[in-house]
Every structure is written in structure tokens, then in C-alpha cells.
């Protein structure tokens, strides 16, 4: 399927907010800032625990479900049948 700006806009409308949350909390920048601060404070083990437990429990599970619902909604609006 070729790229069409109108289809990209429909997908962006359905999935944009969820993807913004993914980038904000799980993106490269937040990872590097967190590691830098943890190392500056000499507490990398606490950052690792935070990243592995709290982030996974609070964000990853519920956020993944929001992503699935948003993608399904976008696919329906686009008339695409997911595999």
C-alpha cells in the first residue's frame, strides 16, 4: 500500500496521543536523562529498579492496551483488516 497523506492523518488522529506517551516515557531521551541523573546522584540501581518495576507496572501494561485499542480504531477508520 502506497503512502497517502490523508491516510497518515487518519492514523495520526487515532494513535498520536498514545505514541506521544510512548515517546515521552520510554523514548531515548527520557532513558538518557534518567541514566545521566542517576549516575550524577550515584544511584543507578534505584533508577534501574524504577525503570524495571514502576514503569513496567504503571505504564507498559495499560499503555500497551491503549495502543492496541487506538490501532484497531485507526485500522477500522482506514478500512484495513489487521493480520
PDB file of N, CA and C in Angstrom:
ATOM      1  N   UNK A   1       0.842  -1.166   0.000  1.00  0.00           N
ATOM      2  CA  UNK A   1       0.000   0.000   0.000  1.00  0.00           C
ATOM      3  C   UNK A   1       0.895   1.240   0.000  1.00  0.00           C
ATOM      4  N   UNK A   2       0.632   2.166  -0.899  1.00  0.00           N
ATOM      5  CA  UNK A   2       1.431   3.383  -1.016  1.00  0.00           C
ATOM      6  C   UNK A   2       1.052   4.396   0.053  1.00  0.00           C
ATOM      7  N   UNK A   3       1.995   5.273   0.348  1.00  0.00           N
ATOM      8  CA  UNK A   3       1.778   6.337   1.325  1.00  0.00           C
ATOM      9  C   UNK A   3       0.804   7.372   0.770  1.00  0.00           C
ATOM     10  N   UNK A   4      -0.159   7.739   1.598  1.00  0.00           N
ATOM     11  CA  UNK A   4      -1.096   8.807   1.251  1.00  0.00           C
ATOM     12  C   UNK A   4      -1.218   9.728   2.463  1.00  0.00           C
ATOM     13  N   UNK A   5      -1.004  11.019   2.281  1.00  0.00           N
ATOM     14  CA  UNK A   5      -1.082  11.956   3.415  1.00  0.00           C
ATOM     15  C   UNK A   5      -2.412  11.892   4.165  1.00  0.00           C
ATOM     16  N   UNK A   6      -3.513  11.691   3.467  1.00  0.00           N
ATOM     17  CA  UNK A   6      -4.824  11.633   4.130  1.00  0.00           C
ATOM     18  C   UNK A   6      -4.911  10.417   5.056  1.00  0.00           C
ATOM     19  N   UNK A   7      -4.389   9.293   4.607  1.00  0.00           N
ATOM     20  CA  UNK A   7      -4.405   8.089   5.442  1.00  0.00           C
ATOM     21  C   UNK A   7      -3.483   8.255   6.650  1.00  0.00           C
ATOM     22  N   UNK A   8      -2.352   8.904   6.439  1.00  0.00           N
ATOM     23  CA  UNK A   8      -1.428   9.153   7.553  1.00  0.00           C
ATOM     24  C   UNK A   8      -2.084  10.047   8.598  1.00  0.00           C
ATOM     25  N   UNK A   9      -2.858  11.024   8.162  1.00  0.00           N
ATOM     26  CA  UNK A   9      -3.539  11.919   9.088  1.00  0.00           C
ATOM     27  C   UNK A   9      -4.603  11.169   9.900  1.00  0.00           C
ATOM     28  N   UNK A  10      -5.328  10.281   9.277  1.00  0.00           N
ATOM     29  CA  UNK A  10      -6.327   9.479   9.993  1.00  0.00           C
ATOM     30  C   UNK A  10      -5.636   8.634  11.060  1.00  0.00           C
ATOM     31  N   UNK A  11      -4.555   7.983  10.684  1.00  0.00           N
ATOM     32  CA  UNK A  11      -3.820   7.164  11.652  1.00  0.00           C
ATOM     33  C   UNK A  11      -3.289   8.024  12.797  1.00  0.00           C
ATOM     34  N   UNK A  12      -2.735   9.192  12.468  1.00  0.00           N
ATOM     35  CA  UNK A  12      -2.189  10.101  13.472  1.00  0.00           C
ATOM     36  C   UNK A  12      -3.271  10.559  14.449  1.00  0.00           C
ATOM     37  N   UNK A  13      -4.474  10.813  13.959  1.00  0.00           N
ATOM     38  CA  UNK A  13      -5.576  11.250  14.819  1.00  0.00           C
ATOM     39  C   UNK A  13      -5.942  10.179  15.842  1.00  0.00           C
ATOM     40  N   UNK A  14      -5.893   8.927  15.438  1.00  0.00           N
ATOM     41  CA  UNK A  14      -6.285   7.831  16.327  1.00  0.00           C
ATOM     42  C   UNK A  14      -5.161   7.422  17.283  1.00  0.00           C
ATOM     43  N   UNK A  15      -3.933   7.480  16.834  1.00  0.00           N
ATOM     44  CA  UNK A  15      -2.820   6.889  17.577  1.00  0.00           C
ATOM     45  C   UNK A  15      -1.846   7.931  18.134  1.00  0.00           C
ATOM     46  N   UNK A  16      -1.962   9.179  17.726  1.00  0.00           N
ATOM     47  CA  UNK A  16      -0.992  10.205  18.072  1.00  0.00           C
ATOM     48  C   UNK A  16      -0.757  10.407  19.557  1.00  0.00           C
ATOM     49  N   UNK A  17      -1.815  10.475  20.348  1.00  0.00           N
ATOM     50  CA  UNK A  17      -1.651  10.718  21.778  1.00  0.00           C
ATOM     51  C   UNK A  17      -0.943   9.566  22.469  1.00  0.00           C
ATOM     52  N   UNK A  18      -1.302   8.357  22.102  1.00  0.00           N
ATOM     53  CA  UNK A  18      -0.668   7.190  22.724  1.00  0.00           C
ATOM     54  C   UNK A  18       0.809   7.127  22.340  1.00  0.00           C
ATOM     55  N   UNK A  19       1.112   7.397  21.083  1.00  0.00           N
ATOM     56  CA  UNK A  19       2.511   7.372  20.655  1.00  0.00           C
ATOM     57  C   UNK A  19       3.314   8.467  21.349  1.00  0.00           C
ATOM     58  N   UNK A  20       2.686   9.607  21.607  1.00  0.00           N
ATOM     59  CA  UNK A  20       3.360  10.663  22.352  1.00  0.00           C
ATOM     60  C   UNK A  20       3.724  10.214  23.758  1.00  0.00           C
ATOM     61  N   UNK A  21       2.835   9.468  24.384  1.00  0.00           N
ATOM     62  CA  UNK A  21       3.107   8.938  25.724  1.00  0.00           C
ATOM     63  C   UNK A  21       4.255   7.941  25.669  1.00  0.00           C
ATOM     64  N   UNK A  22       4.263   7.067  24.652  1.00  0.00           N
ATOM     65  CA  UNK A  22       5.374   6.119  24.500  1.00  0.00           C
ATOM     66  C   UNK A  22       6.697   6.866  24.388  1.00  0.00           C
ATOM     67  N   UNK A  23       6.711   7.884  23.514  1.00  0.00           N
ATOM     68  CA  UNK A  23       7.967   8.628  23.309  1.00  0.00           C
ATOM     69  C   UNK A  23       8.389   9.361  24.572  1.00  0.00           C
ATOM     70  N   UNK A  24       7.430   9.961  25.262  1.00  0.00           N
ATOM     71  CA  UNK A  24       7.750  10.754  26.447  1.00  0.00           C
ATOM     72  C   UNK A  24       8.360   9.902  27.551  1.00  0.00           C
ATOM     73  N   UNK A  25       7.777   8.757  27.826  1.00  0.00           N
ATOM     74  CA  UNK A  25       8.207   7.956  28.974  1.00  0.00           C
ATOM     75  C   UNK A  25       9.192   6.846  28.632  1.00  0.00           C
ATOM     76  N   UNK A  26       9.155   6.342  27.396  1.00  0.00           N
ATOM     77  CA  UNK A  26      10.013   5.217  27.034  1.00  0.00           C
ATOM     78  C   UNK A  26      10.975   5.551  25.903  1.00  0.00           C
ATOM     79  N   UNK A  27      11.059   6.789  25.520  1.00  0.00           N
ATOM     80  CA  UNK A  27      11.927   7.186  24.420  1.00  0.00           C
ATOM     81  C   UNK A  27      13.390   7.254  24.816  1.00  0.00           C
ATOM     82  N   UNK A  28      14.204   7.460  23.832  1.00  0.00           N
ATOM     83  CA  UNK A  28      15.652   7.516  24.024  1.00  0.00           C
ATOM     84  C   UNK A  28      16.054   8.674  24.934  1.00  0.00           C
ATOM     85  N   UNK A  29      15.411   9.823  24.758  1.00  0.00           N
ATOM     86  CA  UNK A  29      15.749  10.991  25.568  1.00  0.00           C
ATOM     87  C   UNK A  29      15.473  10.785  27.043  1.00  0.00           C
ATOM     88  N   UNK A  30      14.289  10.247  27.365  1.00  0.00           N
ATOM     89  CA  UNK A  30      13.967  10.022  28.777  1.00  0.00           C
ATOM     90  C   UNK A  30      14.891   8.972  29.390  1.00  0.00           C
ATOM     91  N   UNK A  31      15.283   7.999  28.605  1.00  0.00           N
ATOM     92  CA  UNK A  31      16.216   6.985  29.091  1.00  0.00           C
ATOM     93  C   UNK A  31      17.574   7.616  29.407  1.00  0.00           C
ATOM     94  N   UNK A  32      18.083   8.421  28.480  1.00  0.00           N
ATOM     95  CA  UNK A  32      19.398   9.032  28.677  1.00  0.00           C
ATOM     96  C   UNK A  32      19.387  10.050  29.821  1.00  0.00           C
ATOM     97  N   UNK A  33      18.339  10.847  29.925  1.00  0.00           N
ATOM     98  CA  UNK A  33      18.251  11.817  31.024  1.00  0.00           C
ATOM     99  C   UNK A  33      18.183  11.085  32.358  1.00  0.00           C
ATOM    100  N   UNK A  34      17.379  10.019  32.422  1.00  0.00           N
ATOM    101  CA  UNK A  34      17.277   9.239  33.651  1.00  0.00           C
ATOM    102  C   UNK A  34      18.600   8.615  34.059  1.00  0.00           C
ATOM    103  N   UNK A  35      19.292   8.036  33.103  1.00  0.00           N
ATOM    104  CA  UNK A  35      20.593   7.427  33.397  1.00  0.00           C
ATOM    105  C   UNK A  35      21.595   8.487  33.839  1.00  0.00           C
ATOM    106  N   UNK A  36      21.608   9.615  33.153  1.00  0.00           N
ATOM    107  CA  UNK A  36      22.534  10.690  33.500  1.00  0.00           C
ATOM    108  C   UNK A  36      22.288  11.199  34.918  1.00  0.00           C
ATOM    109  N   UNK A  37      21.020  11.442  35.257  1.00  0.00           N
ATOM    110  CA  UNK A  37      20.700  11.910  36.608  1.00  0.00           C
ATOM    111  C   UNK A  37      21.048  10.862  37.666  1.00  0.00           C
ATOM    112  N   UNK A  38      20.728   9.599  37.365  1.00  0.00           N
ATOM    113  CA  UNK A  38      21.031   8.529  38.317  1.00  0.00           C
ATOM    114  C   UNK A  38      22.537   8.413  38.553  1.00  0.00           C
ATOM    115  N   UNK A  39      23.313   8.523  37.499  1.00  0.00           N
ATOM    116  CA  UNK A  39      24.762   8.450  37.654  1.00  0.00           C
ATOM    117  C   UNK A  39      25.314   9.686  38.368  1.00  0.00           C
ATOM    118  N   UNK A  40      24.738  10.854  38.084  1.00  0.00           N
ATOM    119  CA  UNK A  40      25.190  12.075  38.762  1.00  0.00           C
ATOM    120  C   UNK A  40      24.910  12.000  40.261  1.00  0.00           C
ATOM    121  N   UNK A  41      23.790  11.380  40.620  1.00  0.00           N
ATOM    122  CA  UNK A  41      23.435  11.238  42.032  1.00  0.00           C
ATOM    123  C   UNK A  41      24.029   9.969  42.654  1.00  0.00           C
ATOM    124  N   UNK A  42      24.753   9.219  41.832  1.00  0.00           N
ATOM    125  CA  UNK A  42      25.368   7.961  42.257  1.00  0.00           C
ATOM    126  C   UNK A  42      24.341   6.963  42.786  1.00  0.00           C
ATOM    127  N   UNK A  43      23.195   6.872  42.071  1.00  0.00           N
ATOM    128  CA  UNK A  43      22.124   5.951  42.448  1.00  0.00           C
ATOM    129  C   UNK A  43      21.579   5.183  41.237  1.00  0.00           C
ATOM    130  N   UNK A  44      22.455   4.620  40.420  1.00  0.00           N
ATOM    131  CA  UNK A  44      21.935   3.950  39.216  1.00  0.00           C
ATOM    132  C   UNK A  44      21.058   2.744  39.522  1.00  0.00           C
ATOM    133  N   UNK A  45      21.299   2.067  40.648  1.00  0.00           N
ATOM    134  CA  UNK A  45      20.488   0.884  40.968  1.00  0.00           C
ATOM    135  C   UNK A  45      19.026   1.260  41.225  1.00  0.00           C
ATOM    136  N   UNK A  46      18.797   2.451  41.789  1.00  0.00           N
ATOM    137  CA  UNK A  46      17.428   2.884  42.034  1.00  0.00           C
ATOM    138  C   UNK A  46      16.720   3.242  40.722  1.00  0.00           C
ATOM    139  N   UNK A  47      17.460   3.835  39.820  1.00  0.00           N
ATOM    140  CA  UNK A  47      16.870   4.147  38.521  1.00  0.00           C
ATOM    141  C   UNK A  47      16.521   2.862  37.787  1.00  0.00           C
ATOM    142  N   UNK A  48      17.392   1.885  37.864  1.00  0.00           N
ATOM    143  CA  UNK A  48      17.131   0.605  37.222  1.00  0.00           C
ATOM    144  C   UNK A  48      15.882  -0.045  37.811  1.00  0.00           C
ATOM    145  N   UNK A  49      15.769  -0.023  39.123  1.00  0.00           N
ATOM    146  CA  UNK A  49      14.562  -0.567  39.765  1.00  0.00           C
ATOM    147  C   UNK A  49      13.316   0.198  39.337  1.00  0.00           C
ATOM    148  N   UNK A  50      13.412   1.518  39.295  1.00  0.00           N
ATOM    149  CA  UNK A  50      12.287   2.338  38.858  1.00  0.00           C
ATOM    150  C   UNK A  50      11.889   1.972  37.439  1.00  0.00           C
ATOM    151  N   UNK A  51      12.855   1.894  36.587  1.00  0.00           N
ATOM    152  CA  UNK A  51      12.593   1.620  35.171  1.00  0.00           C
ATOM    153  C   UNK A  51      12.011   0.221  34.971  1.00  0.00           C
ATOM    154  N   UNK A  52      12.514  -0.756  35.700  1.00  0.00           N
ATOM    155  CA  UNK A  52      12.070  -2.134  35.510  1.00  0.00           C
ATOM    156  C   UNK A  52      10.754  -2.455  36.212  1.00  0.00           C
ATOM    157  N   UNK A  53      10.470  -1.807  37.318  1.00  0.00           N
ATOM    158  CA  UNK A  53       9.258  -2.151  38.071  1.00  0.00           C
ATOM    159  C   UNK A  53       8.144  -1.142  37.848  1.00  0.00           C
ATOM    160  N   UNK A  54       8.330   0.054  38.345  1.00  0.00           N
ATOM    161  CA  UNK A  54       7.260   1.047  38.283  1.00  0.00           C
ATOM    162  C   UNK A  54       6.845   1.342  36.847  1.00  0.00           C
ATOM    163  N   UNK A  55       7.808   1.595  35.983  1.00  0.00           N
ATOM    164  CA  UNK A  55       7.472   1.886  34.594  1.00  0.00           C
ATOM    165  C   UNK A  55       6.734   0.713  33.962  1.00  0.00           C
ATOM    166  N   UNK A  56       7.188  -0.490  34.224  1.00  0.00           N
ATOM    167  CA  UNK A  56       6.552  -1.660  33.627  1.00  0.00           C
ATOM    168  C   UNK A  56       5.135  -1.853  34.151  1.00  0.00           C
ATOM    169  N   UNK A  57       4.973  -1.730  35.445  1.00  0.00           N
ATOM    170  CA  UNK A  57       3.649  -1.958  36.035  1.00  0.00           C
ATOM    171  C   UNK A  57       2.658  -0.849  35.709  1.00  0.00           C
ATOM    172  N   UNK A  58       3.096   0.379  35.877  1.00  0.00           N
ATOM    173  CA  UNK A  58       2.179   1.505  35.741  1.00  0.00           C
ATOM    174  C   UNK A  58       1.939   1.868  34.283  1.00  0.00           C
ATOM    175  N   UNK A  59       2.983   1.854  33.478  1.00  0.00           N
ATOM    176  CA  UNK A  59       2.840   2.345  32.120  1.00  0.00           C
ATOM    177  C   UNK A  59       2.709   1.239  31.077  1.00  0.00           C
ATOM    178  N   UNK A  60       3.596   0.282  31.110  1.00  0.00           N
ATOM    179  CA  UNK A  60       3.696  -0.650  29.994  1.00  0.00           C
ATOM    180  C   UNK A  60       2.429  -1.467  29.775  1.00  0.00           C
ATOM    181  N   UNK A  61       1.895  -2.082  30.821  1.00  0.00           N
ATOM    182  CA  UNK A  61       0.688  -2.887  30.650  1.00  0.00           C
ATOM    183  C   UNK A  61      -0.501  -2.087  30.170  1.00  0.00           C
ATOM    184  N   UNK A  62      -0.920  -1.055  30.909  1.00  0.00           N
ATOM    185  CA  UNK A  62      -2.066  -0.259  30.469  1.00  0.00           C
ATOM    186  C   UNK A  62      -1.812   0.490  29.160  1.00  0.00           C
ATOM    187  N   UNK A  63      -0.597   0.961  28.964  1.00  0.00           N
ATOM    188  CA  UNK A  63      -0.292   1.708  27.746  1.00  0.00           C
ATOM    189  C   UNK A  63      -0.331   0.804  26.518  1.00  0.00           C
ATOM    190  N   UNK A  64       0.105  -0.429  26.683  1.00  0.00           N
ATOM    191  CA  UNK A  64       0.051  -1.361  25.569  1.00  0.00           C
ATOM    192  C   UNK A  64      -1.401  -1.620  25.163  1.00  0.00           C
ATOM    193  N   UNK A  65      -2.277  -1.740  26.135  1.00  0.00           N
ATOM    194  CA  UNK A  65      -3.690  -1.953  25.812  1.00  0.00           C
ATOM    195  C   UNK A  65      -4.295  -0.735  25.126  1.00  0.00           C
ATOM    196  N   UNK A  66      -3.927   0.475  25.593  1.00  0.00           N
ATOM    197  CA  UNK A  66      -4.395   1.694  24.914  1.00  0.00           C
ATOM    198  C   UNK A  66      -3.894   1.740  23.481  1.00  0.00           C
ATOM    199  N   UNK A  67      -2.644   1.316  23.273  1.00  0.00           N
ATOM    200  CA  UNK A  67      -2.072   1.300  21.925  1.00  0.00           C
ATOM    201  C   UNK A  67      -2.840   0.339  21.024  1.00  0.00           C
ATOM    202  N   UNK A  68      -3.156  -0.826  21.535  1.00  0.00           N
ATOM    203  CA  UNK A  68      -3.906  -1.804  20.732  1.00  0.00           C
ATOM    204  C   UNK A  68      -5.281  -1.275  20.344  1.00  0.00           C
ATOM    205  N   UNK A  69      -5.980  -0.666  21.319  1.00  0.00           N
ATOM    206  CA  UNK A  69      -7.307  -0.110  21.014  1.00  0.00           C
ATOM    207  C   UNK A  69      -7.214   1.021  19.992  1.00  0.00           C
ATOM    208  N   UNK A  70      -6.227   1.890  20.143  1.00  0.00           N
ATOM    209  CA  UNK A  70      -6.051   3.001  19.206  1.00  0.00           C
ATOM    210  C   UNK A  70      -5.721   2.486  17.807  1.00  0.00           C
ATOM    211  N   UNK A  71      -4.875   1.486  17.716  1.00  0.00           N
ATOM    212  CA  UNK A  71      -4.522   0.914  16.411  1.00  0.00           C
ATOM    213  C   UNK A  71      -5.730   0.255  15.765  1.00  0.00           C
ATOM    214  N   UNK A  72      -6.502  -0.487  16.535  1.00  0.00           N
ATOM    215  CA  UNK A  72      -7.706  -1.120  15.994  1.00  0.00           C
ATOM    216  C   UNK A  72      -8.686  -0.080  15.478  1.00  0.00           C
ATOM    217  N   UNK A  73      -8.839   1.004  16.231  1.00  0.00           N
ATOM    218  CA  UNK A  73      -9.722   2.085  15.816  1.00  0.00           C
ATOM    219  C   UNK A  73      -9.226   2.720  14.512  1.00  0.00           C
ATOM    220  N   UNK A  74      -7.937   2.945  14.419  1.00  0.00           N
ATOM    221  CA  UNK A  74      -7.359   3.525  13.203  1.00  0.00           C
ATOM    222  C   UNK A  74      -7.543   2.586  12.026  1.00  0.00           C
ATOM    223  N   UNK A  75      -7.307   1.299  12.230  1.00  0.00           N
ATOM    224  CA  UNK A  75      -7.473   0.330  11.140  1.00  0.00           C
ATOM    225  C   UNK A  75      -8.908   0.301  10.642  1.00  0.00           C
ATOM    226  N   UNK A  76      -9.866   0.352  11.585  1.00  0.00           N
ATOM    227  CA  UNK A  76     -11.268   0.371  11.181  1.00  0.00           C
ATOM    228  C   UNK A  76     -11.579   1.624  10.352  1.00  0.00           C
ATOM    229  N   UNK A  77     -11.080   2.778  10.813  1.00  0.00           N
ATOM    230  CA  UNK A  77     -11.321   4.036  10.090  1.00  0.00           C
ATOM    231  C   UNK A  77     -10.679   4.028   8.700  1.00  0.00           C
ATOM    232  N   UNK A  78      -9.577   3.315   8.579  1.00  0.00           N
ATOM    233  CA  UNK A  78      -8.877   3.238   7.294  1.00  0.00           C
ATOM    234  C   UNK A  78      -9.412   2.127   6.390  1.00  0.00           C
ATOM    235  N   UNK A  79     -10.245   1.279   6.957  1.00  0.00           N
ATOM    236  CA  UNK A  79     -10.770   0.156   6.174  1.00  0.00           C
ATOM    237  C   UNK A  79      -9.739  -0.924   5.933  1.00  0.00           C
ATOM    238  N   UNK A  80      -8.808  -1.050   6.881  1.00  0.00           N
ATOM    239  CA  UNK A  80      -7.740  -2.040   6.770  1.00  0.00           C
ATOM    240  C   UNK A  80      -8.028  -3.183   7.736  1.00  0.00           C
ATOM    241  N   UNK A  81      -7.836  -4.380   7.274  1.00  0.00           N
ATOM    242  CA  UNK A  81      -8.037  -5.553   8.116  1.00  0.00           C
ATOM    243  C   UNK A  81      -6.697  -5.994   8.664  1.00  0.00           C
ATOM    244  N   UNK A  82      -6.479  -5.874  10.003  1.00  0.00           N
ATOM    245  CA  UNK A  82      -5.177  -6.291  10.572  1.00  0.00           C
ATOM    246  C   UNK A  82      -4.992  -7.802  10.467  1.00  0.00           C
ATOM    247  N   UNK A  83      -3.735  -8.214  10.359  1.00  0.00           N
ATOM    248  CA  UNK A  83      -3.437  -9.643  10.257  1.00  0.00           C
ATOM    249  C   UNK A  83      -3.151 -10.217  11.601  1.00  0.00           C
TER     250      UNK A  83
END
